[in-house]
N, C-alpha and C. Protein backbone atom coordinates (compact mmCIF):
# COMPACT_ATOMS: atom_id res chain seq x y z
N MET A 1 26.79 7.06 41.56
CA MET A 1 27.44 6.44 39.95
C MET A 1 26.79 5.53 40.07
N VAL A 2 25.72 4.65 41.35
CA VAL A 2 24.62 4.01 40.76
C VAL A 2 23.48 4.21 40.42
N ASN A 3 23.26 5.47 41.25
CA ASN A 3 22.19 5.91 40.76
C ASN A 3 21.83 6.36 39.81
N LEU A 4 23.07 6.99 38.64
CA LEU A 4 23.37 7.42 37.03
C LEU A 4 22.84 5.93 36.51
N LYS A 5 23.27 4.67 36.80
CA LYS A 5 23.22 3.45 36.50
C LYS A 5 21.94 2.85 36.00
N PHE A 6 21.10 2.94 37.41
CA PHE A 6 19.83 2.63 37.78
C PHE A 6 18.84 3.69 36.74
N ALA A 7 19.28 5.24 36.73
CA ALA A 7 18.68 5.86 35.46
C ALA A 7 18.30 5.90 34.46
N ALA A 8 19.92 5.32 33.73
CA ALA A 8 19.62 4.93 32.66
C ALA A 8 19.52 3.59 32.15
N ILE A 9 19.14 2.58 32.89
CA ILE A 9 18.39 0.79 33.12
C ILE A 9 17.27 1.43 32.83
N ALA A 10 16.67 2.34 34.22
CA ALA A 10 15.40 2.79 34.09
C ALA A 10 14.67 3.32 32.70
N LEU A 11 15.72 4.29 32.33
CA LEU A 11 15.11 5.18 31.25
C LEU A 11 14.62 3.99 29.62
N GLY A 12 16.29 3.15 29.72
CA GLY A 12 15.81 2.72 28.58
C GLY A 12 14.79 1.83 28.46
N ALA A 13 14.61 0.61 30.25
CA ALA A 13 12.97 0.06 29.72
C ALA A 13 11.61 0.53 29.46
N ILE A 14 12.35 1.70 30.17
CA ILE A 14 10.79 2.88 29.53
C ILE A 14 10.83 2.49 28.17
N PHE A 15 11.88 3.06 26.87
CA PHE A 15 12.05 3.40 25.99
C PHE A 15 11.56 1.89 24.80
N VAL A 16 12.58 0.54 25.90
CA VAL A 16 11.85 -0.56 25.36
C VAL A 16 10.34 -0.89 25.95
N LEU A 17 9.89 -0.89 26.86
CA LEU A 17 9.09 -0.97 27.09
C LEU A 17 7.40 -0.02 25.77
N SER A 18 7.79 0.89 26.22
CA SER A 18 6.76 2.07 24.87
C SER A 18 7.08 1.65 23.11
N MET A 19 8.37 1.05 23.29
CA MET A 19 8.58 0.60 21.59
C MET A 19 7.44 -0.68 21.34
N TYR A 20 7.85 -1.76 22.38
CA TYR A 20 7.47 -3.33 21.71
C TYR A 20 6.27 -3.58 23.00
N GLY A 21 5.43 -2.60 24.06
CA GLY A 21 4.78 -2.83 24.91
C GLY A 21 3.32 -3.32 23.69
N PRO A 22 3.08 -2.91 23.08
CA PRO A 22 2.15 -2.45 22.26
C PRO A 22 1.52 -3.83 21.71
N ASN A 23 2.80 -4.47 21.03
CA ASN A 23 3.48 -5.64 20.03
C ASN A 23 3.01 -7.40 20.93
N VAL A 24 3.25 -6.68 22.30
CA VAL A 24 3.69 -8.10 22.78
C VAL A 24 1.84 -8.25 23.91
N ALA A 25 1.19 -7.04 23.78
CA ALA A 25 0.05 -7.04 24.47
C ALA A 25 -0.58 -7.74 23.64
N GLU A 26 -0.51 -7.13 21.96
CA GLU A 26 -1.70 -7.43 21.22
C GLU A 26 -1.06 -9.48 21.10
N ILE A 27 0.28 -9.46 21.14
CA ILE A 27 -0.22 -11.43 21.69
C ILE A 27 -1.29 -11.84 22.50
N PHE A 28 -0.82 -11.65 23.53
CA PHE A 28 -1.22 -11.68 24.61
C PHE A 28 -2.83 -11.36 24.70
N SER A 29 -4.25 -10.57 23.86
CA SER A 29 -5.05 -10.07 24.03
C SER A 29 -6.07 -11.48 23.48
N ALA A 30 -7.03 -11.27 23.75
CA ALA A 30 -8.42 -12.81 22.88
C ALA A 30 -8.75 -11.80 22.59
N GLU A 31 -9.41 -12.81 21.35
CA GLU A 31 -10.52 -11.63 20.24
C GLU A 31 -11.79 -13.27 20.08
N ALA A 32 -12.80 -12.43 19.71
CA ALA A 32 -13.72 -13.33 20.01
C ALA A 32 -15.07 -12.75 18.47
N HIS A 33 -15.73 -13.68 18.23
CA HIS A 33 -17.02 -12.68 17.63
C HIS A 33 -18.19 -12.69 19.02
N GLY A 34 -18.94 -11.76 18.88
CA GLY A 34 -20.10 -11.35 19.65
C GLY A 34 -19.92 -10.72 21.04
N VAL A 35 -18.67 -10.43 21.39
CA VAL A 35 -18.09 -10.01 22.36
C VAL A 35 -17.77 -8.29 22.03
N GLN A 36 -19.28 -7.82 23.12
CA GLN A 36 -19.79 -6.78 23.18
C GLN A 36 -18.18 -5.71 23.78
N ALA A 37 -18.42 -4.42 23.45
CA ALA A 37 -17.57 -3.55 23.63
C ALA A 37 -17.53 -3.09 25.01
N GLN A 38 -16.31 -3.62 25.66
CA GLN A 38 -16.55 -3.33 27.22
C GLN A 38 -17.09 -1.88 27.71
N LEU A 39 -17.06 -0.82 27.52
CA LEU A 39 -17.94 0.08 27.85
C LEU A 39 -19.13 0.10 27.64
N GLN A 40 -19.60 -0.39 26.52
CA GLN A 40 -21.35 -0.42 26.42
C GLN A 40 -21.82 -2.05 27.49
N SER A 41 -21.65 -2.76 27.07
CA SER A 41 -21.94 -4.01 27.89
C SER A 41 -22.63 -3.67 29.54
N ARG A 42 -21.61 -1.77 30.01
CA ARG A 42 -22.23 -2.13 31.29
C ARG A 42 -23.25 -0.67 31.35
N PHE A 43 -23.65 -0.21 29.78
CA PHE A 43 -24.73 0.31 30.00
C PHE A 43 -26.09 -0.50 29.37
N ILE A 44 -25.85 -0.81 28.79
CA ILE A 44 -26.91 -1.94 27.47
C ILE A 44 -26.40 -2.81 26.47
N ARG A 45 -26.99 -3.86 27.23
CA ARG A 45 -27.10 -4.98 26.97
C ARG A 45 -27.61 -5.73 25.54
N ILE A 46 -26.92 -6.49 24.27
CA ILE A 46 -28.05 -6.81 23.42
C ILE A 46 -28.38 -8.65 23.71
N GLU A 47 -29.35 -8.82 24.36
CA GLU A 47 -29.66 -10.36 24.28
C GLU A 47 -30.71 -10.68 23.17
N ASP A 48 -30.91 -12.21 23.00
CA ASP A 48 -31.91 -13.01 22.76
C ASP A 48 -31.83 -12.40 21.06
N GLU A 49 -30.52 -12.52 20.77
CA GLU A 49 -30.39 -11.75 19.15
C GLU A 49 -30.75 -13.12 18.36
N SER A 50 -31.80 -12.91 17.25
CA SER A 50 -31.80 -14.38 15.92
C SER A 50 -32.10 -13.86 14.92
N ILE A 51 -32.27 -14.06 13.85
CA ILE A 51 -32.11 -14.29 12.42
C ILE A 51 -32.98 -15.22 12.11
N SER A 52 -34.52 -14.67 10.97
CA SER A 52 -35.03 -14.92 10.35
C SER A 52 -34.32 -16.49 9.38
N ARG A 53 -33.71 -16.21 8.99
CA ARG A 53 -32.89 -17.75 8.24
C ARG A 53 -31.84 -17.43 8.03
N GLN A 54 -30.96 -18.45 8.20
CA GLN A 54 -29.34 -18.33 7.27
C GLN A 54 -29.11 -18.63 5.97
N SER A 55 -29.95 -18.82 5.28
CA SER A 55 -29.76 -18.89 3.91
C SER A 55 -30.32 -18.66 2.71
N LEU A 56 -30.27 -17.63 1.91
CA LEU A 56 -31.39 -16.50 1.01
C LEU A 56 -30.28 -15.94 -0.32
N SER A 57 -31.38 -15.68 -1.39
CA SER A 57 -30.54 -15.01 -2.52
C SER A 57 -30.71 -13.93 -1.80
N THR A 58 -30.32 -13.54 -3.07
CA THR A 58 -30.22 -12.18 -3.24
C THR A 58 -31.68 -10.88 -3.60
N GLY A 59 -31.91 -10.36 -2.91
CA GLY A 59 -33.02 -9.69 -3.23
C GLY A 59 -34.18 -10.29 -2.09
N GLU A 60 -33.86 -11.40 -1.64
CA GLU A 60 -34.47 -11.55 -0.32
C GLU A 60 -34.24 -10.95 0.78
N THR A 61 -35.49 -11.05 1.81
CA THR A 61 -34.74 -9.93 3.05
C THR A 61 -34.38 -11.45 4.20
N LEU A 62 -33.75 -10.44 5.17
CA LEU A 62 -34.01 -11.24 6.93
C LEU A 62 -34.05 -10.31 7.45
N VAL A 63 -34.85 -10.61 8.67
CA VAL A 63 -34.68 -10.27 9.67
C VAL A 63 -34.42 -10.31 10.92
N LEU A 64 -33.29 -9.50 11.60
CA LEU A 64 -32.56 -9.47 12.63
C LEU A 64 -33.39 -8.86 13.60
N SER A 65 -33.76 -9.71 14.93
CA SER A 65 -34.45 -9.16 16.17
C SER A 65 -34.12 -9.56 17.39
N GLY A 66 -33.77 -9.13 18.43
CA GLY A 66 -33.85 -9.16 19.77
C GLY A 66 -34.06 -7.73 20.60
N LYS A 67 -33.69 -7.99 22.09
CA LYS A 67 -33.66 -7.03 22.90
C LYS A 67 -32.59 -6.50 22.92
N LEU A 68 -32.82 -4.86 23.71
CA LEU A 68 -32.17 -4.12 23.98
C LEU A 68 -32.70 -3.94 25.64
N ILE A 69 -31.30 -4.25 26.29
CA ILE A 69 -31.53 -4.31 27.91
C ILE A 69 -30.58 -3.37 28.37
N SER A 70 -31.81 -2.23 29.06
CA SER A 70 -31.13 -0.86 29.27
C SER A 70 -30.25 -1.44 31.02
N LEU A 71 -29.11 -1.43 30.90
CA LEU A 71 -28.52 -1.67 32.45
C LEU A 71 -28.89 -0.40 33.88
N VAL A 72 -28.34 0.62 33.36
CA VAL A 72 -28.86 2.05 33.61
C VAL A 72 -30.45 3.00 33.98
N GLU A 73 -30.25 4.22 35.04
CA GLU A 73 -31.53 4.47 35.22
C GLU A 73 -32.47 5.60 33.98
N ARG A 74 -30.55 6.12 33.51
CA ARG A 74 -30.22 7.22 33.17
C ARG A 74 -31.10 6.40 31.00
N GLU A 75 -31.91 7.34 30.47
CA GLU A 75 -32.08 7.54 29.53
C GLU A 75 -30.85 7.69 28.16
N HIS A 76 -30.36 6.54 27.24
CA HIS A 76 -29.84 6.49 26.32
C HIS A 76 -30.48 7.28 24.69
N ARG A 77 -29.73 7.28 24.10
CA ARG A 77 -29.78 7.74 22.45
C ARG A 77 -29.29 7.09 21.82
N GLY A 78 -29.55 6.33 20.66
CA GLY A 78 -28.49 5.87 19.73
C GLY A 78 -29.23 4.94 18.44
N TRP A 79 -28.18 4.37 18.06
CA TRP A 79 -28.60 3.78 16.31
C TRP A 79 -28.39 2.36 16.59
N ILE A 80 -29.36 1.30 15.97
CA ILE A 80 -29.21 0.14 15.97
C ILE A 80 -28.94 -0.14 14.03
N SER A 81 -28.24 -1.11 13.48
CA SER A 81 -28.20 -1.19 12.22
C SER A 81 -27.81 -2.77 12.67
N LEU A 82 -27.63 -3.56 11.05
CA LEU A 82 -26.83 -4.39 11.24
C LEU A 82 -25.40 -4.34 10.53
N PHE A 83 -24.70 -5.12 10.99
CA PHE A 83 -23.09 -4.89 10.98
C PHE A 83 -22.52 -6.62 9.84
N SER A 84 -22.16 -6.33 8.99
CA SER A 84 -21.44 -8.01 8.25
C SER A 84 -19.85 -8.19 8.61
N GLU A 85 -19.75 -9.42 8.28
CA GLU A 85 -18.20 -9.33 8.10
C GLU A 85 -18.39 -10.38 6.99
N SER A 86 -17.02 -10.36 6.27
CA SER A 86 -17.34 -11.42 5.03
C SER A 86 -16.10 -11.75 4.57
N THR A 87 -15.88 -12.87 3.73
CA THR A 87 -14.66 -12.65 3.29
C THR A 87 -14.68 -12.50 2.18
N ASN A 88 -15.09 -11.81 1.14
CA ASN A 88 -15.12 -11.37 -0.25
C ASN A 88 -15.33 -10.04 0.12
N SER A 89 -15.12 -9.27 -0.98
CA SER A 89 -14.91 -7.41 -0.71
C SER A 89 -16.22 -6.90 -0.43
N GLY A 90 -16.96 -7.64 -0.86
CA GLY A 90 -18.78 -7.07 -0.56
C GLY A 90 -19.16 -7.14 0.53
N ASN A 91 -20.29 -6.47 1.43
CA ASN A 91 -20.70 -6.55 2.41
C ASN A 91 -22.24 -5.53 2.01
N ARG A 92 -22.77 -6.05 1.40
CA ARG A 92 -23.81 -4.48 0.84
C ARG A 92 -25.49 -5.28 1.14
N TRP A 93 -25.92 -5.39 2.00
CA TRP A 93 -27.41 -4.80 2.86
C TRP A 93 -27.57 -3.85 2.37
N GLU A 94 -28.84 -3.43 2.11
CA GLU A 94 -30.30 -2.63 2.12
C GLU A 94 -30.85 -2.56 3.47
N ILE A 95 -30.75 -2.13 4.13
CA ILE A 95 -31.92 -2.16 5.67
C ILE A 95 -33.20 -1.61 4.62
N MET A 96 -34.53 -2.16 5.00
CA MET A 96 -35.32 -1.97 4.67
C MET A 96 -36.48 -1.23 5.66
N ALA A 97 -36.33 -2.05 7.08
CA ALA A 97 -37.53 -1.41 7.93
C ALA A 97 -36.58 -1.30 9.41
N ARG A 98 -36.71 -0.57 10.06
CA ARG A 98 -36.06 -0.76 11.67
C ARG A 98 -37.43 -0.61 12.85
N ASP A 99 -37.43 -1.36 13.47
CA ASP A 99 -38.40 -1.29 14.45
C ASP A 99 -37.69 -1.56 16.36
N PRO A 100 -37.76 -0.52 16.81
CA PRO A 100 -38.77 0.84 16.50
C PRO A 100 -37.74 1.73 15.78
N PRO A 101 -38.72 2.60 14.77
CA PRO A 101 -38.63 2.94 13.86
C PRO A 101 -37.56 4.46 13.99
N GLY A 102 -37.10 4.65 12.57
CA GLY A 102 -36.62 6.00 12.47
C GLY A 102 -34.68 5.38 12.41
N VAL A 103 -33.93 6.74 12.24
CA VAL A 103 -32.76 6.03 12.63
C VAL A 103 -32.26 6.15 13.70
N VAL A 104 -32.20 7.30 15.21
CA VAL A 104 -32.00 7.59 15.81
C VAL A 104 -33.38 7.35 17.43
N ILE A 105 -32.83 6.03 18.17
CA ILE A 105 -33.54 5.52 18.96
C ILE A 105 -33.48 6.58 20.27
N ASP A 106 -34.67 6.86 20.94
CA ASP A 106 -34.36 6.35 22.22
C ASP A 106 -34.80 5.39 23.26
N ILE A 107 -33.42 4.89 24.14
CA ILE A 107 -33.80 3.56 25.07
C ILE A 107 -33.30 4.20 26.14
N GLN A 108 -34.97 4.15 26.49
CA GLN A 108 -35.81 3.83 28.72
C GLN A 108 -34.42 3.69 29.68
N GLY A 109 -34.29 3.87 30.34
CA GLY A 109 -33.29 3.67 31.43
C GLY A 109 -34.62 2.01 32.58
N ASN A 110 -33.18 1.58 32.14
CA ASN A 110 -33.59 0.38 33.32
C ASN A 110 -34.80 -0.29 32.52
N ALA A 111 -35.21 -0.48 30.91
CA ALA A 111 -36.60 -0.67 30.49
C ALA A 111 -35.10 -2.20 29.48
N VAL A 112 -36.48 -2.88 28.62
CA VAL A 112 -35.89 -3.62 28.16
C VAL A 112 -36.60 -3.62 26.78
N THR A 113 -36.21 -3.26 25.46
CA THR A 113 -36.55 -2.60 24.22
C THR A 113 -36.59 -3.91 23.50
N PRO A 114 -37.51 -4.50 22.97
CA PRO A 114 -37.57 -5.50 21.85
C PRO A 114 -37.01 -4.09 20.27
N TYR A 115 -36.52 -5.19 19.67
CA TYR A 115 -36.30 -4.03 18.02
C TYR A 115 -36.11 -5.66 16.55
N ALA A 116 -36.47 -5.56 15.82
CA ALA A 116 -36.35 -5.31 14.52
C ALA A 116 -35.50 -4.84 13.56
N ILE A 117 -34.86 -5.14 12.67
CA ILE A 117 -34.47 -4.51 11.30
C ILE A 117 -34.07 -5.73 10.49
N THR A 118 -35.25 -5.08 9.55
CA THR A 118 -34.57 -6.03 7.80
C THR A 118 -34.49 -5.56 6.72
N ALA A 119 -33.94 -6.55 6.33
CA ALA A 119 -32.85 -6.05 5.04
C ALA A 119 -32.49 -7.01 4.40
N LYS A 120 -32.47 -6.13 3.08
CA LYS A 120 -32.12 -7.01 1.72
C LYS A 120 -30.68 -6.98 1.75
N ALA A 121 -30.60 -8.58 1.38
CA ALA A 121 -29.11 -8.89 0.52
C ALA A 121 -28.94 -8.30 -0.67
N LEU A 122 -28.33 -7.57 -1.14
CA LEU A 122 -27.81 -7.47 -2.48
C LEU A 122 -26.26 -8.27 -3.12
N GLU A 123 -25.18 -8.92 -2.21
CA GLU A 123 -24.99 -9.21 -2.70
C GLU A 123 -24.11 -10.92 -2.16
N PRO A 124 -23.75 -11.57 -3.38
CA PRO A 124 -23.76 -13.60 -3.12
C PRO A 124 -22.15 -13.10 -1.65
N GLY A 125 -22.31 -14.16 -1.12
CA GLY A 125 -21.20 -14.39 -0.01
C GLY A 125 -22.13 -14.93 1.47
N VAL A 126 -20.98 -15.39 2.28
CA VAL A 126 -21.08 -16.10 3.39
C VAL A 126 -20.32 -14.80 4.46
N TYR A 127 -21.49 -14.55 5.13
CA TYR A 127 -21.26 -13.61 5.96
C TYR A 127 -21.26 -14.19 7.41
N HIS A 128 -21.07 -13.19 8.03
CA HIS A 128 -21.05 -13.34 10.10
C HIS A 128 -22.08 -12.07 10.49
N VAL A 129 -22.98 -12.37 10.43
CA VAL A 129 -23.98 -10.37 10.92
C VAL A 129 -24.30 -10.54 12.54
N HIS A 130 -24.25 -9.42 12.61
CA HIS A 130 -24.34 -8.96 13.99
C HIS A 130 -25.61 -7.98 13.99
N THR A 131 -25.97 -7.59 15.32
CA THR A 131 -26.96 -6.41 15.72
C THR A 131 -25.33 -5.55 15.52
N GLN A 132 -25.71 -4.46 15.25
CA GLN A 132 -24.88 -3.44 16.03
C GLN A 132 -25.99 -2.26 16.66
N LEU A 133 -25.09 -1.53 17.84
CA LEU A 133 -25.39 -0.42 18.35
C LEU A 133 -24.83 0.34 18.83
N ASN A 134 -25.15 1.78 17.93
CA ASN A 134 -24.02 2.75 18.78
C ASN A 134 -24.78 3.53 19.68
N VAL A 135 -24.42 3.50 20.63
CA VAL A 135 -24.45 4.94 21.78
C VAL A 135 -24.36 5.99 22.25
N ALA A 136 -24.90 7.09 22.00
CA ALA A 136 -24.31 8.08 21.94
C ALA A 136 -23.77 8.68 23.45
N ASN A 137 -22.17 8.87 23.01
CA ASN A 137 -21.30 9.27 24.19
C ASN A 137 -21.14 8.09 25.02
N VAL A 138 -21.32 6.84 24.31
CA VAL A 138 -20.50 5.30 25.04
C VAL A 138 -19.90 4.59 24.10
N GLY A 139 -20.33 4.61 22.15
CA GLY A 139 -19.61 3.65 21.70
C GLY A 139 -20.48 2.80 20.85
N PRO A 140 -20.00 1.97 20.27
CA PRO A 140 -20.33 0.62 19.66
C PRO A 140 -20.44 -0.44 20.20
N GLY A 141 -21.40 -1.55 20.01
CA GLY A 141 -21.44 -3.01 20.62
C GLY A 141 -21.54 -3.60 19.55
N LEU A 142 -21.16 -4.96 19.47
CA LEU A 142 -22.45 -5.95 18.86
C LEU A 142 -23.05 -7.45 19.52
N GLY A 143 -24.42 -7.83 18.85
CA GLY A 143 -24.52 -8.76 19.20
C GLY A 143 -23.99 -10.07 18.82
N PRO A 144 -24.10 -11.14 19.49
CA PRO A 144 -23.24 -12.58 19.30
C PRO A 144 -23.06 -12.95 17.78
N GLY A 145 -24.23 -12.30 17.05
CA GLY A 145 -24.17 -12.71 15.74
C GLY A 145 -24.35 -14.27 15.39
N THR A 146 -24.37 -14.64 13.78
CA THR A 146 -24.23 -15.92 13.24
C THR A 146 -23.57 -15.92 11.50
N THR A 147 -23.85 -16.58 11.08
CA THR A 147 -23.30 -16.98 9.50
C THR A 147 -24.87 -16.81 8.53
N VAL A 148 -24.76 -15.83 7.88
CA VAL A 148 -25.49 -16.18 6.88
C VAL A 148 -24.78 -16.63 5.37
N VAL A 149 -25.73 -17.29 4.41
CA VAL A 149 -25.18 -17.78 3.12
C VAL A 149 -26.18 -17.08 2.36
N VAL A 150 -25.14 -16.13 1.26
CA VAL A 150 -26.40 -15.42 0.88
C VAL A 150 -25.89 -16.22 -1.06
N GLU A 151 -27.20 -16.68 -1.46
CA GLU A 151 -26.58 -16.89 -3.00
C GLU A 151 -27.04 -16.09 -3.60
N GLY A 152 -26.71 -16.48 -5.26
CA GLY A 152 -27.47 -14.85 -6.52
C GLY A 152 -26.85 -14.45 -7.15
N GLU A 153 -27.54 -13.63 -7.85
CA GLU A 153 -26.78 -12.68 -8.59
C GLU A 153 -26.35 -11.25 -8.56
N PRO A 154 -25.39 -10.72 -7.99
CA PRO A 154 -25.82 -9.07 -7.77
C PRO A 154 -26.26 -8.41 -7.67
N ILE A 155 -27.15 -7.91 -7.17
CA ILE A 155 -27.86 -6.30 -7.35
C ILE A 155 -27.15 -5.42 -7.17
N VAL A 156 -26.90 -4.72 -8.48
CA VAL A 156 -26.58 -3.56 -8.63
C VAL A 156 -27.47 -1.95 -8.82
N LYS A 157 -27.41 -1.14 -7.64
CA LYS A 157 -28.00 -0.28 -7.23
C LYS A 157 -28.19 0.80 -8.10
N PRO A 158 -28.84 1.54 -8.76
CA PRO A 158 -28.68 2.77 -9.56
C PRO A 158 -27.94 4.04 -8.94
N ILE A 159 -27.09 5.22 -9.26
CA ILE A 159 -26.22 5.79 -8.40
C ILE A 159 -27.18 6.87 -8.61
N GLY A 160 -27.31 7.88 -7.94
CA GLY A 160 -27.75 9.47 -8.07
C GLY A 160 -26.81 10.33 -8.47
N TRP A 161 -26.18 10.51 -9.57
CA TRP A 161 -26.07 11.42 -10.26
C TRP A 161 -26.01 12.83 -9.30
N GLY A 162 -27.08 13.65 -9.58
CA GLY A 162 -27.09 14.29 -8.33
C GLY A 162 -26.27 14.62 -7.22
N MET A 163 -26.12 13.06 -6.38
CA MET A 163 -25.78 13.35 -4.77
C MET A 163 -24.27 13.12 -5.50
N ILE A 164 -23.69 12.17 -5.81
CA ILE A 164 -22.12 12.39 -6.84
C ILE A 164 -21.89 13.57 -7.46
N TRP A 165 -22.70 14.71 -8.43
CA TRP A 165 -22.31 15.87 -8.28
C TRP A 165 -22.36 17.02 -6.66
N TYR A 166 -23.73 16.71 -5.65
CA TYR A 166 -23.99 17.21 -4.92
C TYR A 166 -21.97 17.64 -4.17
N GLN A 167 -21.78 15.61 -3.80
CA GLN A 167 -21.00 15.39 -3.18
C GLN A 167 -19.28 16.48 -3.73
N SER A 168 -18.94 16.30 -4.61
CA SER A 168 -17.91 16.71 -5.82
C SER A 168 -17.66 18.30 -5.30
N ILE A 169 -19.38 18.85 -5.43
CA ILE A 169 -18.72 20.00 -5.43
C ILE A 169 -18.52 20.69 -3.77
N MET A 170 -18.69 19.87 -3.13
CA MET A 170 -18.73 20.29 -1.64
C MET A 170 -17.26 19.80 -1.31
N ILE A 171 -16.91 18.97 -1.89
CA ILE A 171 -15.52 18.62 -1.85
C ILE A 171 -14.90 19.65 -2.40
N GLY A 172 -15.24 20.18 -3.81
CA GLY A 172 -13.96 21.43 -3.85
C GLY A 172 -14.10 22.76 -3.64
N ALA A 173 -15.23 22.69 -2.99
CA ALA A 173 -15.42 23.99 -1.67
C ALA A 173 -14.37 23.60 -0.86
N ALA A 174 -14.28 23.03 -0.42
CA ALA A 174 -13.48 22.37 1.25
C ALA A 174 -12.12 22.49 0.88
N TYR A 175 -11.89 21.81 -0.46
CA TYR A 175 -9.94 22.44 -0.93
C TYR A 175 -10.18 23.89 -1.04
N VAL A 176 -10.87 24.72 -1.65
CA VAL A 176 -11.10 26.10 -1.87
C VAL A 176 -10.57 26.94 -0.82
N VAL A 177 -11.75 26.52 -0.05
CA VAL A 177 -11.50 27.49 1.60
C VAL A 177 -10.45 26.30 2.28
N THR A 178 -9.99 25.25 2.30
CA THR A 178 -8.05 25.04 2.49
C THR A 178 -6.89 25.53 1.88
N PHE A 179 -7.28 26.31 0.80
CA PHE A 179 -5.68 26.59 0.03
C PHE A 179 -6.03 28.05 0.25
N ALA A 180 -7.24 28.75 0.20
CA ALA A 180 -7.20 30.25 0.32
C ALA A 180 -6.76 30.50 1.79
N THR A 181 -7.30 29.71 2.69
CA THR A 181 -7.13 29.96 4.32
C THR A 181 -5.47 29.79 4.67
N ARG A 182 -4.99 28.59 3.90
CA ARG A 182 -3.41 28.29 4.16
C ARG A 182 -2.40 29.23 4.21
N PRO A 183 -1.87 29.58 5.39
CA PRO A 183 -0.45 30.67 4.69
C PRO A 183 0.18 30.55 3.56
N TRP A 184 1.02 31.39 3.32
CA TRP A 184 1.94 31.04 1.67
C TRP A 184 3.53 30.92 1.87
N LYS A 185 4.36 30.47 2.05
CA LYS A 185 5.12 31.12 2.56
C LYS A 185 6.05 31.65 1.53
N VAL A 186 6.83 33.15 2.00
CA VAL A 186 7.78 33.48 0.79
C VAL A 186 9.13 32.69 0.73
N ILE A 187 9.44 32.97 -0.83
CA ILE A 187 10.89 32.16 -0.73
C ILE A 187 11.99 33.66 -1.13
């Protein structure tokens, strides 16, 4: 009888922990800007991140630069970009140039790779801007970041109607394939 009570209590405790454990863990977790993803910090670190200016108007550019420091011997591939957070609905930047050039870059093992990203502000707001590095088979990481204030009128980029038609046709084709291959129920 005691073993049955112990098993019932243990089963109940497991059930309660599975239901409420993630919520309790979230209460005790710490969040902070500039904290890199745990996995990535063991492979490649973003250091000496700097921004050319902290106040600009829409249409003007800023340069986000720093160093990627590889902590392992193996070469990695990844892409580097600008990540921004804002209280307004917009997060609009246009990447004008990257150094090293190209979207996907090779990061040599145990090496220091300087980088620079030039971006044009398209929408006013107060942004917290970071370097974002996504490493293949590892994941994303963010640099420490800083606050940037953008003022002025929003810049609306023209929409390429050809691309909208192309995407609409691809979505329509996917729906056709989905419904054509779906097993139909017979009533």
